Amino acid sequence: MPWKNSDTRYSTMSIALHWLMVVLLAVVYACIELRGQFPKGSGARTLIVEMHFMFGLTVFVLVWLRLFARSLGVAPKIVPAPPQWQSLLATLMHVALYALMIGMPIAGWLIVSAEGHSVMFYGMELPPLIGENKDLAKQIEGWHVWFGKVGYWLIGLHALAGIAHHYVLRDNTALRMTPGRFAKKTAE
């Protein structure tokens, strides 16, 4: 699996991690949205919330691998080159998305720790980040929920920008991150 970007495409590792993160983030958001379908205290609700934590922490682990893969080379060039303001907005968007993928799982871990509960990660019990403090847990949870809503907008705008680059601006922005076979069919 190639780790380095080419002049026209991101590495296979970067592409695979990008789309895996898309799926994981969709599952994380779906879990938290679906929890309301189950009564409080039920086993099903507990399971879906635990899945939210586990997949959120999976995002946290994988984002570091993604940043490592991204650091192995320069990004493939966009053809035709975008104006400077678009490049700046893209950079800010990526920084915001990475901050979301790092900060939200940490906040979730802090919430569970402050509530005095165990944090399970694929059968391993993770150490609490802070001691039990129910008031602090509520405060962090408020921020976690707010930034989760911001995340919907960031993810949506990121996807919309990719679609606009492909269908309106007709540059290669989206093709650089599209899996191989699909990219070839789309380019034809």
N, C-alpha and C. Protein backbone atom coordinates (compact mmCIF):
# COMPACT_ATOMS: atom_id res chain seq x y z
N MET A 1 0.85 -1.17 0.00
CA MET A 1 0.00 0.00 0.00
C MET A 1 0.90 1.23 0.00
N PRO A 2 0.90 2.00 -1.08
CA PRO A 2 1.77 3.17 -1.17
C PRO A 2 1.46 4.20 -0.07
N TRP A 3 2.55 4.69 0.58
CA TRP A 3 2.42 5.67 1.65
C TRP A 3 2.63 7.09 1.17
N LYS A 4 3.19 7.26 0.00
CA LYS A 4 3.52 8.61 -0.47
C LYS A 4 2.56 9.06 -1.56
N ASN A 5 2.27 10.33 -1.53
CA ASN A 5 1.40 10.93 -2.55
C ASN A 5 2.15 11.01 -3.87
N SER A 6 1.40 10.97 -4.96
CA SER A 6 1.99 11.22 -6.28
C SER A 6 1.70 12.68 -6.63
N ASP A 7 2.07 13.08 -7.83
CA ASP A 7 1.79 14.44 -8.28
C ASP A 7 0.29 14.68 -8.48
N THR A 8 -0.46 13.60 -8.72
CA THR A 8 -1.88 13.77 -9.08
C THR A 8 -2.85 13.19 -8.06
N ARG A 9 -2.37 12.31 -7.15
CA ARG A 9 -3.28 11.65 -6.21
C ARG A 9 -2.64 11.51 -4.83
N TYR A 10 -3.52 11.42 -3.84
CA TYR A 10 -3.05 11.10 -2.50
C TYR A 10 -2.65 9.62 -2.47
N SER A 11 -1.88 9.24 -1.47
CA SER A 11 -1.45 7.85 -1.35
C SER A 11 -2.66 6.94 -1.09
N THR A 12 -2.47 5.68 -1.40
CA THR A 12 -3.53 4.70 -1.14
C THR A 12 -3.89 4.70 0.34
N MET A 13 -2.89 4.82 1.21
CA MET A 13 -3.14 4.87 2.66
C MET A 13 -3.98 6.08 3.03
N SER A 14 -3.64 7.24 2.51
CA SER A 14 -4.41 8.46 2.81
C SER A 14 -5.86 8.34 2.32
N ILE A 15 -6.03 7.79 1.12
CA ILE A 15 -7.38 7.64 0.57
C ILE A 15 -8.18 6.65 1.41
N ALA A 16 -7.57 5.52 1.74
CA ALA A 16 -8.27 4.51 2.55
C ALA A 16 -8.65 5.08 3.92
N LEU A 17 -7.73 5.80 4.55
CA LEU A 17 -8.03 6.38 5.86
C LEU A 17 -9.10 7.46 5.76
N HIS A 18 -9.07 8.27 4.71
CA HIS A 18 -10.08 9.31 4.53
C HIS A 18 -11.48 8.69 4.50
N TRP A 19 -11.66 7.68 3.67
CA TRP A 19 -12.99 7.09 3.51
C TRP A 19 -13.39 6.23 4.71
N LEU A 20 -12.41 5.61 5.37
CA LEU A 20 -12.71 4.90 6.61
C LEU A 20 -13.19 5.87 7.67
N MET A 21 -12.54 7.04 7.74
CA MET A 21 -12.96 8.06 8.72
C MET A 21 -14.36 8.58 8.39
N VAL A 22 -14.69 8.71 7.12
CA VAL A 22 -16.04 9.13 6.74
C VAL A 22 -17.05 8.14 7.31
N VAL A 23 -16.80 6.86 7.11
CA VAL A 23 -17.72 5.82 7.60
C VAL A 23 -17.78 5.86 9.13
N LEU A 24 -16.62 5.93 9.78
CA LEU A 24 -16.59 5.96 11.25
C LEU A 24 -17.33 7.17 11.81
N LEU A 25 -17.12 8.34 11.21
CA LEU A 25 -17.81 9.53 11.69
C LEU A 25 -19.31 9.41 11.49
N ALA A 26 -19.73 8.81 10.39
CA ALA A 26 -21.17 8.58 10.17
C ALA A 26 -21.73 7.66 11.24
N VAL A 27 -20.97 6.61 11.60
CA VAL A 27 -21.43 5.68 12.64
C VAL A 27 -21.46 6.37 14.00
N VAL A 28 -20.44 7.16 14.31
CA VAL A 28 -20.41 7.89 15.59
C VAL A 28 -21.62 8.80 15.71
N TYR A 29 -21.90 9.57 14.66
CA TYR A 29 -23.05 10.47 14.68
C TYR A 29 -24.36 9.68 14.71
N ALA A 30 -24.45 8.60 13.96
CA ALA A 30 -25.67 7.80 13.94
C ALA A 30 -25.95 7.21 15.32
N CYS A 31 -24.91 6.73 15.99
CA CYS A 31 -25.09 6.15 17.33
C CYS A 31 -25.70 7.17 18.29
N ILE A 32 -25.17 8.37 18.28
CA ILE A 32 -25.66 9.34 19.25
C ILE A 32 -27.05 9.83 18.88
N GLU A 33 -27.35 9.87 17.59
CA GLU A 33 -28.70 10.28 17.17
C GLU A 33 -29.72 9.18 17.45
N LEU A 34 -29.32 7.94 17.31
CA LEU A 34 -30.25 6.82 17.50
C LEU A 34 -30.49 6.47 18.96
N ARG A 35 -29.65 6.94 19.86
CA ARG A 35 -29.81 6.58 21.27
C ARG A 35 -31.19 6.98 21.80
N GLY A 36 -31.74 8.07 21.26
CA GLY A 36 -33.06 8.53 21.71
C GLY A 36 -34.19 7.58 21.36
N GLN A 37 -33.92 6.61 20.50
CA GLN A 37 -34.94 5.63 20.14
C GLN A 37 -35.13 4.57 21.21
N PHE A 38 -34.25 4.57 22.20
CA PHE A 38 -34.28 3.55 23.24
C PHE A 38 -34.48 4.21 24.60
N PRO A 39 -35.23 3.58 25.49
CA PRO A 39 -35.47 4.18 26.80
C PRO A 39 -34.19 4.30 27.62
N LYS A 40 -34.12 5.37 28.43
CA LYS A 40 -32.97 5.56 29.31
C LYS A 40 -32.85 4.36 30.24
N GLY A 41 -31.60 3.93 30.42
CA GLY A 41 -31.34 2.79 31.30
C GLY A 41 -31.48 1.44 30.62
N SER A 42 -31.95 1.41 29.39
CA SER A 42 -32.11 0.12 28.70
C SER A 42 -30.75 -0.38 28.21
N GLY A 43 -30.67 -1.69 28.05
CA GLY A 43 -29.44 -2.28 27.54
C GLY A 43 -29.10 -1.80 26.15
N ALA A 44 -30.13 -1.63 25.31
CA ALA A 44 -29.89 -1.17 23.93
C ALA A 44 -29.32 0.24 23.92
N ARG A 45 -29.85 1.11 24.76
CA ARG A 45 -29.33 2.49 24.81
C ARG A 45 -27.90 2.51 25.33
N THR A 46 -27.63 1.71 26.35
CA THR A 46 -26.27 1.62 26.89
C THR A 46 -25.31 1.13 25.82
N LEU A 47 -25.72 0.11 25.08
CA LEU A 47 -24.86 -0.43 24.03
C LEU A 47 -24.57 0.60 22.96
N ILE A 48 -25.58 1.33 22.52
CA ILE A 48 -25.38 2.30 21.44
C ILE A 48 -24.51 3.47 21.90
N VAL A 49 -24.63 3.87 23.17
CA VAL A 49 -23.77 4.93 23.70
C VAL A 49 -22.33 4.43 23.82
N GLU A 50 -22.16 3.17 24.26
CA GLU A 50 -20.82 2.60 24.35
C GLU A 50 -20.18 2.49 22.96
N MET A 51 -21.00 2.16 21.94
CA MET A 51 -20.49 2.11 20.57
C MET A 51 -20.06 3.51 20.13
N HIS A 52 -20.83 4.53 20.51
CA HIS A 52 -20.47 5.92 20.21
C HIS A 52 -19.08 6.23 20.78
N PHE A 53 -18.85 5.86 22.05
CA PHE A 53 -17.55 6.10 22.67
C PHE A 53 -16.45 5.33 21.95
N MET A 54 -16.69 4.03 21.71
CA MET A 54 -15.66 3.18 21.13
C MET A 54 -15.28 3.64 19.72
N PHE A 55 -16.28 3.93 18.88
CA PHE A 55 -15.96 4.38 17.52
C PHE A 55 -15.37 5.78 17.53
N GLY A 56 -15.79 6.62 18.47
CA GLY A 56 -15.18 7.95 18.60
C GLY A 56 -13.71 7.83 18.96
N LEU A 57 -13.38 6.93 19.87
CA LEU A 57 -11.97 6.73 20.22
C LEU A 57 -11.20 6.08 19.06
N THR A 58 -11.88 5.29 18.25
CA THR A 58 -11.24 4.72 17.05
C THR A 58 -10.85 5.85 16.09
N VAL A 59 -11.73 6.83 15.95
CA VAL A 59 -11.41 8.01 15.14
C VAL A 59 -10.17 8.68 15.70
N PHE A 60 -10.11 8.82 17.02
CA PHE A 60 -8.97 9.47 17.67
C PHE A 60 -7.66 8.73 17.37
N VAL A 61 -7.68 7.41 17.41
CA VAL A 61 -6.48 6.63 17.12
C VAL A 61 -6.08 6.77 15.65
N LEU A 62 -7.06 6.63 14.76
CA LEU A 62 -6.77 6.64 13.33
C LEU A 62 -6.37 8.02 12.81
N VAL A 63 -6.83 9.09 13.46
CA VAL A 63 -6.48 10.42 12.97
C VAL A 63 -4.97 10.64 13.04
N TRP A 64 -4.31 10.03 14.02
CA TRP A 64 -2.86 10.19 14.12
C TRP A 64 -2.15 9.45 13.00
N LEU A 65 -2.66 8.29 12.62
CA LEU A 65 -2.10 7.58 11.46
C LEU A 65 -2.34 8.39 10.19
N ARG A 66 -3.50 9.00 10.11
CA ARG A 66 -3.82 9.83 8.95
C ARG A 66 -2.90 11.05 8.86
N LEU A 67 -2.65 11.69 9.99
CA LEU A 67 -1.72 12.83 10.00
C LEU A 67 -0.30 12.39 9.63
N PHE A 68 0.10 11.20 10.09
CA PHE A 68 1.41 10.67 9.72
C PHE A 68 1.49 10.45 8.21
N ALA A 69 0.47 9.80 7.65
CA ALA A 69 0.46 9.55 6.20
C ALA A 69 0.48 10.86 5.43
N ARG A 70 -0.24 11.86 5.94
CA ARG A 70 -0.28 13.16 5.27
C ARG A 70 1.08 13.87 5.32
N SER A 71 1.83 13.60 6.37
CA SER A 71 3.13 14.27 6.54
C SER A 71 4.22 13.70 5.64
N LEU A 72 3.95 12.58 5.00
CA LEU A 72 4.98 11.92 4.20
C LEU A 72 5.25 12.58 2.85
N GLY A 73 4.51 13.57 2.52
CA GLY A 73 4.76 14.25 1.25
C GLY A 73 3.81 15.42 1.09
N VAL A 74 4.05 16.16 0.05
CA VAL A 74 3.20 17.31 -0.22
C VAL A 74 1.90 16.83 -0.86
N ALA A 75 0.87 17.64 -0.70
CA ALA A 75 -0.42 17.31 -1.31
C ALA A 75 -0.32 17.40 -2.83
N PRO A 76 -1.01 16.51 -3.53
CA PRO A 76 -1.01 16.60 -4.99
C PRO A 76 -1.57 17.96 -5.42
N LYS A 77 -1.04 18.47 -6.49
CA LYS A 77 -1.46 19.79 -6.98
C LYS A 77 -2.89 19.75 -7.52
N ILE A 78 -3.60 20.84 -7.30
CA ILE A 78 -4.94 21.00 -7.87
C ILE A 78 -4.77 21.65 -9.23
N VAL A 79 -5.40 21.05 -10.23
CA VAL A 79 -5.31 21.55 -11.60
C VAL A 79 -6.72 21.80 -12.12
N PRO A 80 -7.01 23.02 -12.57
CA PRO A 80 -6.19 24.23 -12.50
C PRO A 80 -6.09 24.73 -11.06
N ALA A 81 -4.99 25.44 -10.80
CA ALA A 81 -4.72 25.94 -9.45
C ALA A 81 -5.84 26.87 -8.98
N PRO A 82 -6.30 26.69 -7.73
CA PRO A 82 -7.36 27.57 -7.20
C PRO A 82 -6.79 28.92 -6.78
N PRO A 83 -7.67 29.91 -6.64
CA PRO A 83 -7.21 31.20 -6.10
C PRO A 83 -6.71 31.03 -4.66
N GLN A 84 -5.90 31.94 -4.22
CA GLN A 84 -5.30 31.88 -2.88
C GLN A 84 -6.37 31.80 -1.78
N TRP A 85 -7.47 32.53 -1.92
CA TRP A 85 -8.50 32.53 -0.87
C TRP A 85 -9.13 31.14 -0.73
N GLN A 86 -9.26 30.40 -1.83
CA GLN A 86 -9.81 29.04 -1.74
C GLN A 86 -8.82 28.12 -1.03
N SER A 87 -7.55 28.27 -1.32
CA SER A 87 -6.53 27.46 -0.65
C SER A 87 -6.52 27.74 0.85
N LEU A 88 -6.65 29.01 1.22
CA LEU A 88 -6.69 29.37 2.63
C LEU A 88 -7.92 28.77 3.32
N LEU A 89 -9.08 28.87 2.68
CA LEU A 89 -10.30 28.28 3.25
C LEU A 89 -10.17 26.77 3.39
N ALA A 90 -9.56 26.13 2.39
CA ALA A 90 -9.37 24.67 2.46
C ALA A 90 -8.46 24.30 3.63
N THR A 91 -7.40 25.06 3.83
CA THR A 91 -6.49 24.81 4.94
C THR A 91 -7.22 24.98 6.27
N LEU A 92 -7.98 26.06 6.41
CA LEU A 92 -8.74 26.28 7.65
C LEU A 92 -9.75 25.17 7.89
N MET A 93 -10.41 24.71 6.83
CA MET A 93 -11.37 23.62 6.96
C MET A 93 -10.69 22.34 7.44
N HIS A 94 -9.54 22.03 6.85
CA HIS A 94 -8.83 20.83 7.26
C HIS A 94 -8.36 20.92 8.71
N VAL A 95 -7.87 22.07 9.12
CA VAL A 95 -7.46 22.26 10.52
C VAL A 95 -8.67 22.05 11.43
N ALA A 96 -9.82 22.61 11.07
CA ALA A 96 -11.03 22.46 11.89
C ALA A 96 -11.47 21.00 11.96
N LEU A 97 -11.42 20.29 10.84
CA LEU A 97 -11.82 18.88 10.84
C LEU A 97 -10.86 18.03 11.68
N TYR A 98 -9.56 18.28 11.57
CA TYR A 98 -8.61 17.54 12.40
C TYR A 98 -8.81 17.87 13.88
N ALA A 99 -9.06 19.12 14.20
CA ALA A 99 -9.33 19.51 15.59
C ALA A 99 -10.58 18.79 16.11
N LEU A 100 -11.58 18.66 15.27
CA LEU A 100 -12.81 17.93 15.64
C LEU A 100 -12.49 16.46 15.91
N MET A 101 -11.70 15.84 15.02
CA MET A 101 -11.40 14.41 15.16
C MET A 101 -10.47 14.11 16.33
N ILE A 102 -9.76 15.11 16.81
CA ILE A 102 -8.90 14.94 17.98
C ILE A 102 -9.63 15.39 19.25
N GLY A 103 -10.23 16.56 19.19
CA GLY A 103 -10.85 17.14 20.38
C GLY A 103 -12.11 16.45 20.87
N MET A 104 -12.96 16.02 19.95
CA MET A 104 -14.23 15.41 20.36
C MET A 104 -14.03 14.10 21.12
N PRO A 105 -13.16 13.19 20.65
CA PRO A 105 -12.95 11.97 21.43
C PRO A 105 -12.33 12.25 22.81
N ILE A 106 -11.42 13.22 22.86
CA ILE A 106 -10.84 13.57 24.17
C ILE A 106 -11.93 14.10 25.09
N ALA A 107 -12.80 14.96 24.56
CA ALA A 107 -13.90 15.49 25.37
C ALA A 107 -14.81 14.36 25.85
N GLY A 108 -15.10 13.41 24.96
CA GLY A 108 -15.94 12.28 25.36
C GLY A 108 -15.29 11.47 26.47
N TRP A 109 -13.99 11.23 26.35
CA TRP A 109 -13.25 10.49 27.37
C TRP A 109 -13.26 11.25 28.69
N LEU A 110 -13.11 12.59 28.62
CA LEU A 110 -13.17 13.42 29.83
C LEU A 110 -14.55 13.34 30.49
N ILE A 111 -15.61 13.36 29.66
CA ILE A 111 -16.98 13.29 30.19
C ILE A 111 -17.18 11.98 30.95
N VAL A 112 -16.84 10.87 30.31
CA VAL A 112 -17.03 9.55 30.93
C VAL A 112 -16.19 9.44 32.20
N SER A 113 -14.96 9.94 32.14
CA SER A 113 -14.10 9.92 33.33
C SER A 113 -14.71 10.74 34.46
N ALA A 114 -15.17 11.96 34.15
CA ALA A 114 -15.73 12.84 35.18
C ALA A 114 -17.05 12.30 35.73
N GLU A 115 -17.76 11.50 34.94
CA GLU A 115 -18.99 10.87 35.43
C GLU A 115 -18.68 9.68 36.35
N GLY A 116 -17.42 9.27 36.38
CA GLY A 116 -17.02 8.16 37.25
C GLY A 116 -17.23 6.80 36.61
N HIS A 117 -17.41 6.76 35.30
CA HIS A 117 -17.61 5.49 34.60
C HIS A 117 -16.31 5.00 33.98
N SER A 118 -16.29 3.71 33.69
CA SER A 118 -15.14 3.13 32.98
C SER A 118 -15.24 3.46 31.50
N VAL A 119 -14.09 3.66 30.89
CA VAL A 119 -14.03 3.90 29.45
C VAL A 119 -13.50 2.62 28.82
N MET A 120 -14.37 1.95 28.07
CA MET A 120 -13.98 0.69 27.43
C MET A 120 -13.62 0.95 25.97
N PHE A 121 -12.56 0.29 25.52
CA PHE A 121 -12.10 0.42 24.14
C PHE A 121 -11.71 -0.96 23.64
N TYR A 122 -12.62 -1.58 22.89
CA TYR A 122 -12.42 -2.93 22.36
C TYR A 122 -11.98 -3.90 23.45
N GLY A 123 -12.70 -3.88 24.57
CA GLY A 123 -12.44 -4.82 25.66
C GLY A 123 -11.39 -4.37 26.66
N MET A 124 -10.66 -3.30 26.37
CA MET A 124 -9.66 -2.78 27.31
C MET A 124 -10.29 -1.64 28.09
N GLU A 125 -9.99 -1.61 29.37
CA GLU A 125 -10.45 -0.49 30.19
C GLU A 125 -9.37 0.58 30.18
N LEU A 126 -9.73 1.76 29.66
CA LEU A 126 -8.78 2.87 29.61
C LEU A 126 -8.79 3.61 30.94
N PRO A 127 -7.66 4.19 31.30
CA PRO A 127 -7.61 4.93 32.57
C PRO A 127 -8.43 6.22 32.46
N PRO A 128 -9.01 6.66 33.58
CA PRO A 128 -9.73 7.94 33.54
C PRO A 128 -8.73 9.08 33.32
N LEU A 129 -9.17 10.07 32.57
CA LEU A 129 -8.30 11.24 32.34
C LEU A 129 -8.35 12.21 33.51
N ILE A 130 -9.49 12.23 34.19
CA ILE A 130 -9.68 13.11 35.36
C ILE A 130 -10.50 12.36 36.40
N GLY A 131 -10.52 12.90 37.60
CA GLY A 131 -11.31 12.30 38.66
C GLY A 131 -12.79 12.62 38.50
N GLU A 132 -13.60 11.92 39.27
CA GLU A 132 -15.05 12.09 39.20
C GLU A 132 -15.44 13.51 39.62
N ASN A 133 -16.24 14.14 38.77
CA ASN A 133 -16.73 15.49 39.02
C ASN A 133 -17.95 15.69 38.12
N LYS A 134 -19.13 15.43 38.66
CA LYS A 134 -20.36 15.44 37.87
C LYS A 134 -20.64 16.82 37.25
N ASP A 135 -20.35 17.88 37.97
CA ASP A 135 -20.59 19.22 37.43
C ASP A 135 -19.69 19.50 36.24
N LEU A 136 -18.42 19.12 36.36
CA LEU A 136 -17.49 19.30 35.24
C LEU A 136 -17.92 18.43 34.06
N ALA A 137 -18.41 17.22 34.34
CA ALA A 137 -18.88 16.34 33.26
C ALA A 137 -20.00 17.01 32.48
N LYS A 138 -20.94 17.64 33.18
CA LYS A 138 -22.05 18.33 32.50
C LYS A 138 -21.54 19.49 31.65
N GLN A 139 -20.59 20.23 32.18
CA GLN A 139 -20.03 21.37 31.45
C GLN A 139 -19.32 20.91 30.18
N ILE A 140 -18.48 19.89 30.31
CA ILE A 140 -17.77 19.37 29.13
C ILE A 140 -18.77 18.79 28.14
N GLU A 141 -19.80 18.11 28.65
CA GLU A 141 -20.81 17.53 27.77
C GLU A 141 -21.52 18.62 26.95
N GLY A 142 -21.77 19.77 27.56
CA GLY A 142 -22.40 20.88 26.84
C GLY A 142 -21.53 21.32 25.66
N TRP A 143 -20.23 21.43 25.89
CA TRP A 143 -19.30 21.80 24.82
C TRP A 143 -19.22 20.69 23.77
N HIS A 144 -19.22 19.45 24.23
CA HIS A 144 -19.14 18.30 23.32
C HIS A 144 -20.34 18.28 22.38
N VAL A 145 -21.51 18.52 22.93
CA VAL A 145 -22.73 18.55 22.11
C VAL A 145 -22.68 19.72 21.12
N TRP A 146 -22.26 20.88 21.59
CA TRP A 146 -22.19 22.07 20.72
C TRP A 146 -21.22 21.85 19.57
N PHE A 147 -20.01 21.36 19.89
CA PHE A 147 -19.03 21.11 18.84
C PHE A 147 -19.46 19.96 17.93
N GLY A 148 -20.24 19.02 18.47
CA GLY A 148 -20.80 17.97 17.62
C GLY A 148 -21.71 18.55 16.55
N LYS A 149 -22.51 19.56 16.93
CA LYS A 149 -23.37 20.24 15.95
C LYS A 149 -22.53 21.02 14.94
N VAL A 150 -21.48 21.65 15.40
CA VAL A 150 -20.56 22.34 14.49
C VAL A 150 -19.96 21.33 13.51
N GLY A 151 -19.67 20.14 14.01
CA GLY A 151 -19.11 19.08 13.18
C GLY A 151 -20.00 18.72 12.00
N TYR A 152 -21.32 18.69 12.23
CA TYR A 152 -22.24 18.44 11.11
C TYR A 152 -22.00 19.45 9.99
N TRP A 153 -21.88 20.71 10.37
CA TRP A 153 -21.69 21.78 9.38
C TRP A 153 -20.33 21.66 8.69
N LEU A 154 -19.29 21.39 9.48
CA LEU A 154 -17.95 21.26 8.88
C LEU A 154 -17.90 20.11 7.88
N ILE A 155 -18.43 18.96 8.27
CA ILE A 155 -18.43 17.79 7.39
C ILE A 155 -19.27 18.06 6.15
N GLY A 156 -20.44 18.66 6.35
CA GLY A 156 -21.31 18.99 5.21
C GLY A 156 -20.67 19.97 4.25
N LEU A 157 -20.05 21.02 4.78
CA LEU A 157 -19.38 22.01 3.92
C LEU A 157 -18.19 21.39 3.19
N HIS A 158 -17.47 20.52 3.87
CA HIS A 158 -16.33 19.84 3.24
C HIS A 158 -16.81 18.98 2.06
N ALA A 159 -17.87 18.23 2.28
CA ALA A 159 -18.42 17.39 1.20
C ALA A 159 -18.96 18.26 0.06
N LEU A 160 -19.66 19.32 0.41
CA LEU A 160 -20.21 20.22 -0.60
C LEU A 160 -19.10 20.87 -1.43
N ALA A 161 -18.00 21.25 -0.77
CA ALA A 161 -16.87 21.84 -1.49
C ALA A 161 -16.28 20.84 -2.48
N GLY A 162 -16.15 19.57 -2.05
CA GLY A 162 -15.63 18.54 -2.95
C GLY A 162 -16.52 18.36 -4.17
N ILE A 163 -17.83 18.35 -3.95
CA ILE A 163 -18.79 18.22 -5.05
C ILE A 163 -18.71 19.43 -5.98
N ALA A 164 -18.63 20.63 -5.39
CA ALA A 164 -18.55 21.85 -6.19
C ALA A 164 -17.26 21.88 -7.02
N HIS A 165 -16.16 21.46 -6.42
CA HIS A 165 -14.90 21.43 -7.18
C HIS A 165 -15.01 20.47 -8.36
N HIS A 166 -15.68 19.35 -8.15
CA HIS A 166 -15.76 18.35 -9.21
C HIS A 166 -16.75 18.74 -10.32
N TYR A 167 -17.95 19.16 -9.92
CA TYR A 167 -19.00 19.38 -10.91
C TYR A 167 -19.14 20.82 -11.39
N VAL A 168 -18.74 21.79 -10.60
CA VAL A 168 -18.88 23.20 -10.99
C VAL A 168 -17.54 23.75 -11.49
N LEU A 169 -16.51 23.66 -10.65
CA LEU A 169 -15.20 24.19 -11.03
C LEU A 169 -14.45 23.25 -11.96
N ARG A 170 -14.82 22.00 -11.95
CA ARG A 170 -14.25 20.97 -12.83
C ARG A 170 -12.73 20.86 -12.72
N ASP A 171 -12.24 20.93 -11.48
CA ASP A 171 -10.82 20.69 -11.27
C ASP A 171 -10.63 19.27 -10.71
N ASN A 172 -9.43 18.94 -10.34
CA ASN A 172 -9.14 17.58 -9.89
C ASN A 172 -9.15 17.41 -8.37
N THR A 173 -9.71 18.37 -7.64
CA THR A 173 -9.69 18.32 -6.18
C THR A 173 -10.26 17.01 -5.66
N ALA A 174 -11.45 16.64 -6.07
CA ALA A 174 -12.09 15.43 -5.57
C ALA A 174 -11.39 14.17 -6.08
N LEU A 175 -10.91 14.21 -7.30
CA LEU A 175 -10.27 13.03 -7.89
C LEU A 175 -8.98 12.64 -7.15
N ARG A 176 -8.35 13.61 -6.50
CA ARG A 176 -7.11 13.32 -5.77
C ARG A 176 -7.36 12.39 -4.58
N MET A 177 -8.61 12.39 -4.05
CA MET A 177 -8.94 11.60 -2.86
C MET A 177 -9.94 10.49 -3.17
N THR A 178 -10.22 10.27 -4.44
CA THR A 178 -11.19 9.25 -4.84
C THR A 178 -10.48 7.92 -5.03
N PRO A 179 -11.06 6.81 -4.56
CA PRO A 179 -10.44 5.50 -4.76
C PRO A 179 -10.15 5.25 -6.24
N GLY A 180 -9.07 4.55 -6.53
CA GLY A 180 -8.53 4.33 -7.86
C GLY A 180 -9.49 4.04 -8.98
N ARG A 181 -10.26 2.95 -8.88
CA ARG A 181 -11.16 2.59 -9.97
C ARG A 181 -12.21 3.65 -10.23
N PHE A 182 -12.76 4.20 -9.16
CA PHE A 182 -13.79 5.23 -9.30
C PHE A 182 -13.22 6.48 -9.93
N ALA A 183 -12.00 6.84 -9.53
CA ALA A 183 -11.35 8.04 -10.08
C ALA A 183 -11.13 7.90 -11.58
N LYS A 184 -10.73 6.70 -12.02
CA LYS A 184 -10.48 6.49 -13.44
C LYS A 184 -11.78 6.60 -14.25
N LYS A 185 -12.87 6.02 -13.72
CA LYS A 185 -14.16 6.09 -14.41
C LYS A 185 -14.67 7.53 -14.47
N THR A 186 -14.48 8.28 -13.37
CA THR A 186 -14.95 9.66 -13.31
C THR A 186 -14.15 10.56 -14.25
N ALA A 187 -12.86 10.30 -14.38
CA ALA A 187 -11.99 11.14 -15.21
C ALA A 187 -12.26 10.93 -16.70
N GLU A 188 -12.81 9.77 -17.06
CA GLU A 188 -13.03 9.47 -18.48
C GLU A 188 -14.17 10.27 -19.07
